[in-house]
């Protein structure tokens, strides 16, 4: 079964964070949210606003367009 956009974004955030050696707490500090909120993003249980998605992309040095591929 193909993953939906929410699951794809969650996986991209999780894999990108881990690849950069960042903890949930460190990413949260970079984007201005709690560690628990980052965990919710990565599990697909919390939606991200466009503004937050941009902050995450910047913090993880991702091209914003890569999020939607």
PDB file of N, CA and C in Angstrom:
ATOM      1  N   UNK A   1       0.843  -1.192   0.000  1.00  0.00           N
ATOM      2  CA  UNK A   1       0.000   0.000   0.000  1.00  0.00           C
ATOM      3  C   UNK A   1       0.883   1.249   0.000  1.00  0.00           C
ATOM      4  N   UNK A   2       0.547   2.183  -0.836  1.00  0.00           N
ATOM      5  CA  UNK A   2       1.326   3.411  -0.954  1.00  0.00           C
ATOM      6  C   UNK A   2       1.077   4.323   0.247  1.00  0.00           C
ATOM      7  N   UNK A   3       2.166   4.938   0.710  1.00  0.00           N
ATOM      8  CA  UNK A   3       2.069   5.854   1.849  1.00  0.00           C
ATOM      9  C   UNK A   3       1.441   7.167   1.408  1.00  0.00           C
ATOM     10  N   UNK A   4       0.664   7.761   2.318  1.00  0.00           N
ATOM     11  CA  UNK A   4       0.092   9.071   2.071  1.00  0.00           C
ATOM     12  C   UNK A   4       1.133  10.149   2.308  1.00  0.00           C
ATOM     13  N   UNK A   5       0.800  11.371   1.971  1.00  0.00           N
ATOM     14  CA  UNK A   5       1.734  12.492   2.104  1.00  0.00           C
ATOM     15  C   UNK A   5       2.151  12.689   3.557  1.00  0.00           C
ATOM     16  N   UNK A   6       1.240  12.512   4.486  1.00  0.00           N
ATOM     17  CA  UNK A   6       1.553  12.697   5.905  1.00  0.00           C
ATOM     18  C   UNK A   6       2.635  11.709   6.350  1.00  0.00           C
ATOM     19  N   UNK A   7       2.485  10.453   5.947  1.00  0.00           N
ATOM     20  CA  UNK A   7       3.464   9.431   6.298  1.00  0.00           C
ATOM     21  C   UNK A   7       4.800   9.676   5.603  1.00  0.00           C
ATOM     22  N   UNK A   8       4.751  10.131   4.359  1.00  0.00           N
ATOM     23  CA  UNK A   8       5.982  10.418   3.625  1.00  0.00           C
ATOM     24  C   UNK A   8       6.760  11.552   4.281  1.00  0.00           C
ATOM     25  N   UNK A   9       6.057  12.610   4.674  1.00  0.00           N
ATOM     26  CA  UNK A   9       6.709  13.747   5.330  1.00  0.00           C
ATOM     27  C   UNK A   9       7.279  13.317   6.676  1.00  0.00           C
ATOM     28  N   UNK A  10       6.506  12.542   7.430  1.00  0.00           N
ATOM     29  CA  UNK A  10       6.970  12.064   8.737  1.00  0.00           C
ATOM     30  C   UNK A  10       8.258  11.256   8.589  1.00  0.00           C
ATOM     31  N   UNK A  11       8.286  10.359   7.621  1.00  0.00           N
ATOM     32  CA  UNK A  11       9.461   9.522   7.389  1.00  0.00           C
ATOM     33  C   UNK A  11      10.659  10.361   6.944  1.00  0.00           C
ATOM     34  N   UNK A  12      10.423  11.320   6.073  1.00  0.00           N
ATOM     35  CA  UNK A  12      11.509  12.184   5.611  1.00  0.00           C
ATOM     36  C   UNK A  12      12.111  12.972   6.768  1.00  0.00           C
ATOM     37  N   UNK A  13      11.281  13.510   7.631  1.00  0.00           N
ATOM     38  CA  UNK A  13      11.779  14.262   8.789  1.00  0.00           C
ATOM     39  C   UNK A  13      12.614  13.346   9.678  1.00  0.00           C
ATOM     40  N   UNK A  14      12.073  12.186  10.014  1.00  0.00           N
ATOM     41  CA  UNK A  14      12.763  11.245  10.899  1.00  0.00           C
ATOM     42  C   UNK A  14      14.107  10.807  10.311  1.00  0.00           C
ATOM     43  N   UNK A  15      14.099  10.382   9.052  1.00  0.00           N
ATOM     44  CA  UNK A  15      15.330   9.898   8.423  1.00  0.00           C
ATOM     45  C   UNK A  15      16.359  11.013   8.273  1.00  0.00           C
ATOM     46  N   UNK A  16      15.911  12.201   7.918  1.00  0.00           N
ATOM     47  CA  UNK A  16      16.827  13.332   7.748  1.00  0.00           C
ATOM     48  C   UNK A  16      17.427  13.761   9.078  1.00  0.00           C
ATOM     49  N   UNK A  17      16.618  13.769  10.117  1.00  0.00           N
ATOM     50  CA  UNK A  17      17.116  14.136  11.451  1.00  0.00           C
ATOM     51  C   UNK A  17      18.177  13.143  11.910  1.00  0.00           C
ATOM     52  N   UNK A  18      17.881  11.865  11.768  1.00  0.00           N
ATOM     53  CA  UNK A  18      18.825  10.827  12.194  1.00  0.00           C
ATOM     54  C   UNK A  18      20.108  10.868  11.368  1.00  0.00           C
ATOM     55  N   UNK A  19      19.980  11.109  10.070  1.00  0.00           N
ATOM     56  CA  UNK A  19      21.154  11.170   9.195  1.00  0.00           C
ATOM     57  C   UNK A  19      22.088  12.313   9.583  1.00  0.00           C
ATOM     58  N   UNK A  20      21.531  13.349  10.186  1.00  0.00           N
ATOM     59  CA  UNK A  20      22.337  14.502  10.606  1.00  0.00           C
ATOM     60  C   UNK A  20      22.782  14.390  12.059  1.00  0.00           C
ATOM     61  N   UNK A  21      22.442  13.272  12.696  1.00  0.00           N
ATOM     62  CA  UNK A  21      22.863  13.032  14.065  1.00  0.00           C
ATOM     63  C   UNK A  21      22.191  13.919  15.093  1.00  0.00           C
ATOM     64  N   UNK A  22      20.995  14.390  14.780  1.00  0.00           N
ATOM     65  CA  UNK A  22      20.268  15.264  15.704  1.00  0.00           C
ATOM     66  C   UNK A  22      19.292  14.456  16.552  1.00  0.00           C
ATOM     67  N   UNK A  23      19.137  14.858  17.793  1.00  0.00           N
ATOM     68  CA  UNK A  23      18.115  14.268  18.646  1.00  0.00           C
ATOM     69  C   UNK A  23      16.794  14.984  18.401  1.00  0.00           C
ATOM     70  N   UNK A  24      15.726  14.396  18.917  1.00  0.00           N
ATOM     71  CA  UNK A  24      14.420  15.054  18.841  1.00  0.00           C
ATOM     72  C   UNK A  24      14.486  16.420  19.511  1.00  0.00           C
ATOM     73  N   UNK A  25      15.149  16.464  20.651  1.00  0.00           N
ATOM     74  CA  UNK A  25      15.267  17.717  21.397  1.00  0.00           C
ATOM     75  C   UNK A  25      16.017  18.773  20.592  1.00  0.00           C
ATOM     76  N   UNK A  26      17.131  18.370  19.961  1.00  0.00           N
ATOM     77  CA  UNK A  26      17.925  19.328  19.184  1.00  0.00           C
ATOM     78  C   UNK A  26      17.133  19.890  18.005  1.00  0.00           C
ATOM     79  N   UNK A  27      16.408  19.031  17.302  1.00  0.00           N
ATOM     80  CA  UNK A  27      15.596  19.528  16.186  1.00  0.00           C
ATOM     81  C   UNK A  27      14.502  20.443  16.713  1.00  0.00           C
ATOM     82  N   UNK A  28      13.881  20.053  17.803  1.00  0.00           N
ATOM     83  CA  UNK A  28      12.852  20.895  18.409  1.00  0.00           C
ATOM     84  C   UNK A  28      13.370  22.279  18.751  1.00  0.00           C
ATOM     85  N   UNK A  29      14.578  22.338  19.308  1.00  0.00           N
ATOM     86  CA  UNK A  29      15.180  23.633  19.651  1.00  0.00           C
ATOM     87  C   UNK A  29      15.421  24.473  18.403  1.00  0.00           C
ATOM     88  N   UNK A  30      15.815  23.822  17.318  1.00  0.00           N
ATOM     89  CA  UNK A  30      16.084  24.552  16.070  1.00  0.00           C
ATOM     90  C   UNK A  30      14.826  25.136  15.443  1.00  0.00           C
ATOM     91  N   UNK A  31      13.704  24.464  15.650  1.00  0.00           N
ATOM     92  CA  UNK A  31      12.470  24.931  15.007  1.00  0.00           C
ATOM     93  C   UNK A  31      11.489  25.559  15.994  1.00  0.00           C
ATOM     94  N   UNK A  32      11.853  25.579  17.260  1.00  0.00           N
ATOM     95  CA  UNK A  32      11.034  26.272  18.253  1.00  0.00           C
ATOM     96  C   UNK A  32       9.829  25.505  18.770  1.00  0.00           C
ATOM     97  N   UNK A  33       9.950  24.174  18.826  1.00  0.00           N
ATOM     98  CA  UNK A  33       8.870  23.358  19.390  1.00  0.00           C
ATOM     99  C   UNK A  33       9.459  22.363  20.383  1.00  0.00           C
ATOM    100  N   UNK A  34       8.595  21.756  21.168  1.00  0.00           N
ATOM    101  CA  UNK A  34       9.033  20.771  22.156  1.00  0.00           C
ATOM    102  C   UNK A  34       9.464  19.463  21.487  1.00  0.00           C
ATOM    103  N   UNK A  35      10.324  18.738  22.179  1.00  0.00           N
ATOM    104  CA  UNK A  35      10.767  17.417  21.725  1.00  0.00           C
ATOM    105  C   UNK A  35       9.564  16.509  21.435  1.00  0.00           C
ATOM    106  N   UNK A  36       8.567  16.560  22.295  1.00  0.00           N
ATOM    107  CA  UNK A  36       7.374  15.722  22.120  1.00  0.00           C
ATOM    108  C   UNK A  36       6.620  16.078  20.837  1.00  0.00           C
ATOM    109  N   UNK A  37       6.657  17.339  20.456  1.00  0.00           N
ATOM    110  CA  UNK A  37       5.991  17.766  19.220  1.00  0.00           C
ATOM    111  C   UNK A  37       6.721  17.214  18.006  1.00  0.00           C
ATOM    112  N   UNK A  38       8.060  17.239  18.045  1.00  0.00           N
ATOM    113  CA  UNK A  38       8.835  16.656  16.943  1.00  0.00           C
ATOM    114  C   UNK A  38       8.500  15.169  16.820  1.00  0.00           C
ATOM    115  N   UNK A  39       8.393  14.494  17.945  1.00  0.00           N
ATOM    116  CA  UNK A  39       8.037  13.077  17.936  1.00  0.00           C
ATOM    117  C   UNK A  39       6.679  12.856  17.271  1.00  0.00           C
ATOM    118  N   UNK A  40       5.734  13.723  17.567  1.00  0.00           N
ATOM    119  CA  UNK A  40       4.412  13.621  16.932  1.00  0.00           C
ATOM    120  C   UNK A  40       4.502  13.856  15.428  1.00  0.00           C
ATOM    121  N   UNK A  41       5.330  14.819  14.999  1.00  0.00           N
ATOM    122  CA  UNK A  41       5.535  15.056  13.567  1.00  0.00           C
ATOM    123  C   UNK A  41       6.089  13.797  12.906  1.00  0.00           C
ATOM    124  N   UNK A  42       7.101  13.194  13.548  1.00  0.00           N
ATOM    125  CA  UNK A  42       7.778  12.036  12.968  1.00  0.00           C
ATOM    126  C   UNK A  42       6.910  10.783  12.946  1.00  0.00           C
ATOM    127  N   UNK A  43       5.931  10.723  13.807  1.00  0.00           N
ATOM    128  CA  UNK A  43       5.035   9.564  13.827  1.00  0.00           C
ATOM    129  C   UNK A  43       3.798   9.794  12.960  1.00  0.00           C
ATOM    130  N   UNK A  44       3.678  11.000  12.415  1.00  0.00           N
ATOM    131  CA  UNK A  44       2.538  11.326  11.571  1.00  0.00           C
ATOM    132  C   UNK A  44       1.265  11.594  12.351  1.00  0.00           C
ATOM    133  N   UNK A  45       1.405  11.811  13.662  1.00  0.00           N
ATOM    134  CA  UNK A  45       0.234  12.043  14.510  1.00  0.00           C
ATOM    135  C   UNK A  45      -0.114  13.516  14.657  1.00  0.00           C
ATOM    136  N   UNK A  46       0.746  14.387  14.155  1.00  0.00           N
ATOM    137  CA  UNK A  46       0.504  15.832  14.244  1.00  0.00           C
ATOM    138  C   UNK A  46       0.781  16.447  12.878  1.00  0.00           C
ATOM    139  N   UNK A  47      -0.145  17.249  12.406  1.00  0.00           N
ATOM    140  CA  UNK A  47       0.059  17.960  11.148  1.00  0.00           C
ATOM    141  C   UNK A  47       1.000  19.133  11.354  1.00  0.00           C
ATOM    142  N   UNK A  48       1.769  19.435  10.331  1.00  0.00           N
ATOM    143  CA  UNK A  48       2.657  20.595  10.352  1.00  0.00           C
ATOM    144  C   UNK A  48       2.026  21.713   9.537  1.00  0.00           C
ATOM    145  N   UNK A  49       2.173  22.932  10.008  1.00  0.00           N
ATOM    146  CA  UNK A  49       1.774  24.072   9.187  1.00  0.00           C
ATOM    147  C   UNK A  49       2.828  24.249   8.100  1.00  0.00           C
ATOM    148  N   UNK A  50       2.503  25.012   7.093  1.00  0.00           N
ATOM    149  CA  UNK A  50       3.474  25.300   6.040  1.00  0.00           C
ATOM    150  C   UNK A  50       4.686  26.004   6.636  1.00  0.00           C
ATOM    151  N   UNK A  51       4.447  26.905   7.574  1.00  0.00           N
ATOM    152  CA  UNK A  51       5.547  27.637   8.214  1.00  0.00           C
ATOM    153  C   UNK A  51       6.467  26.686   8.977  1.00  0.00           C
ATOM    154  N   UNK A  52       5.880  25.743   9.707  1.00  0.00           N
ATOM    155  CA  UNK A  52       6.687  24.782  10.455  1.00  0.00           C
ATOM    156  C   UNK A  52       7.430  23.853   9.511  1.00  0.00           C
ATOM    157  N   UNK A  53       6.785  23.443   8.447  1.00  0.00           N
ATOM    158  CA  UNK A  53       7.436  22.586   7.462  1.00  0.00           C
ATOM    159  C   UNK A  53       8.660  23.284   6.877  1.00  0.00           C
ATOM    160  N   UNK A  54       8.542  24.578   6.617  1.00  0.00           N
ATOM    161  CA  UNK A  54       9.679  25.356   6.107  1.00  0.00           C
ATOM    162  C   UNK A  54      10.795  25.406   7.140  1.00  0.00           C
ATOM    163  N   UNK A  55      10.459  25.599   8.419  1.00  0.00           N
ATOM    164  CA  UNK A  55      11.472  25.616   9.481  1.00  0.00           C
ATOM    165  C   UNK A  55      12.193  24.273   9.567  1.00  0.00           C
ATOM    166  N   UNK A  56      11.437  23.193   9.462  1.00  0.00           N
ATOM    167  CA  UNK A  56      12.031  21.854   9.507  1.00  0.00           C
ATOM    168  C   UNK A  56      12.970  21.656   8.320  1.00  0.00           C
ATOM    169  N   UNK A  57      12.509  22.025   7.134  1.00  0.00           N
ATOM    170  CA  UNK A  57      13.343  21.889   5.940  1.00  0.00           C
ATOM    171  C   UNK A  57      14.634  22.687   6.089  1.00  0.00           C
ATOM    172  N   UNK A  58      14.544  23.900   6.603  1.00  0.00           N
ATOM    173  CA  UNK A  58      15.739  24.723   6.810  1.00  0.00           C
ATOM    174  C   UNK A  58      16.660  24.104   7.856  1.00  0.00           C
ATOM    175  N   UNK A  59      16.095  23.627   8.960  1.00  0.00           N
ATOM    176  CA  UNK A  59      16.888  23.052  10.048  1.00  0.00           C
ATOM    177  C   UNK A  59      17.617  21.787   9.614  1.00  0.00           C
ATOM    178  N   UNK A  60      17.015  21.049   8.687  1.00  0.00           N
ATOM    179  CA  UNK A  60      17.612  19.799   8.223  1.00  0.00           C
ATOM    180  C   UNK A  60      18.332  19.968   6.891  1.00  0.00           C
ATOM    181  N   UNK A  61      18.436  21.204   6.431  1.00  0.00           N
ATOM    182  CA  UNK A  61      19.116  21.523   5.175  1.00  0.00           C
ATOM    183  C   UNK A  61      18.518  20.754   3.996  1.00  0.00           C
ATOM    184  N   UNK A  62      17.196  20.745   3.948  1.00  0.00           N
ATOM    185  CA  UNK A  62      16.482  20.091   2.859  1.00  0.00           C
ATOM    186  C   UNK A  62      15.924  21.143   1.921  1.00  0.00           C
ATOM    187  N   UNK A  63      15.879  20.809   0.655  1.00  0.00           N
ATOM    188  CA  UNK A  63      15.184  21.666  -0.286  1.00  0.00           C
ATOM    189  C   UNK A  63      13.694  21.481  -0.025  1.00  0.00           C
ATOM    190  N   UNK A  64      12.978  22.550   0.107  1.00  0.00           N
ATOM    191  CA  UNK A  64      11.549  22.480   0.418  1.00  0.00           C
ATOM    192  C   UNK A  64      10.822  21.577  -0.572  1.00  0.00           C
ATOM    193  N   UNK A  65      11.215  21.612  -1.827  1.00  0.00           N
ATOM    194  CA  UNK A  65      10.570  20.798  -2.855  1.00  0.00           C
ATOM    195  C   UNK A  65      10.776  19.313  -2.606  1.00  0.00           C
ATOM    196  N   UNK A  66      11.890  18.940  -1.953  1.00  0.00           N
ATOM    197  CA  UNK A  66      12.184  17.527  -1.703  1.00  0.00           C
ATOM    198  C   UNK A  66      11.141  16.889  -0.804  1.00  0.00           C
ATOM    199  N   UNK A  67      10.489  17.699  -0.017  1.00  0.00           N
ATOM    200  CA  UNK A  67       9.470  17.191   0.895  1.00  0.00           C
ATOM    201  C   UNK A  67       8.319  16.565   0.113  1.00  0.00           C
ATOM    202  N   UNK A  68       8.062  17.041  -1.086  1.00  0.00           N
ATOM    203  CA  UNK A  68       6.907  16.590  -1.850  1.00  0.00           C
ATOM    204  C   UNK A  68       7.247  15.629  -2.980  1.00  0.00           C
ATOM    205  N   UNK A  69       8.436  15.082  -2.977  1.00  0.00           N
ATOM    206  CA  UNK A  69       8.816  14.119  -4.026  1.00  0.00           C
ATOM    207  C   UNK A  69       8.529  12.714  -3.578  1.00  0.00           C
TER     208      UNK A  69
END
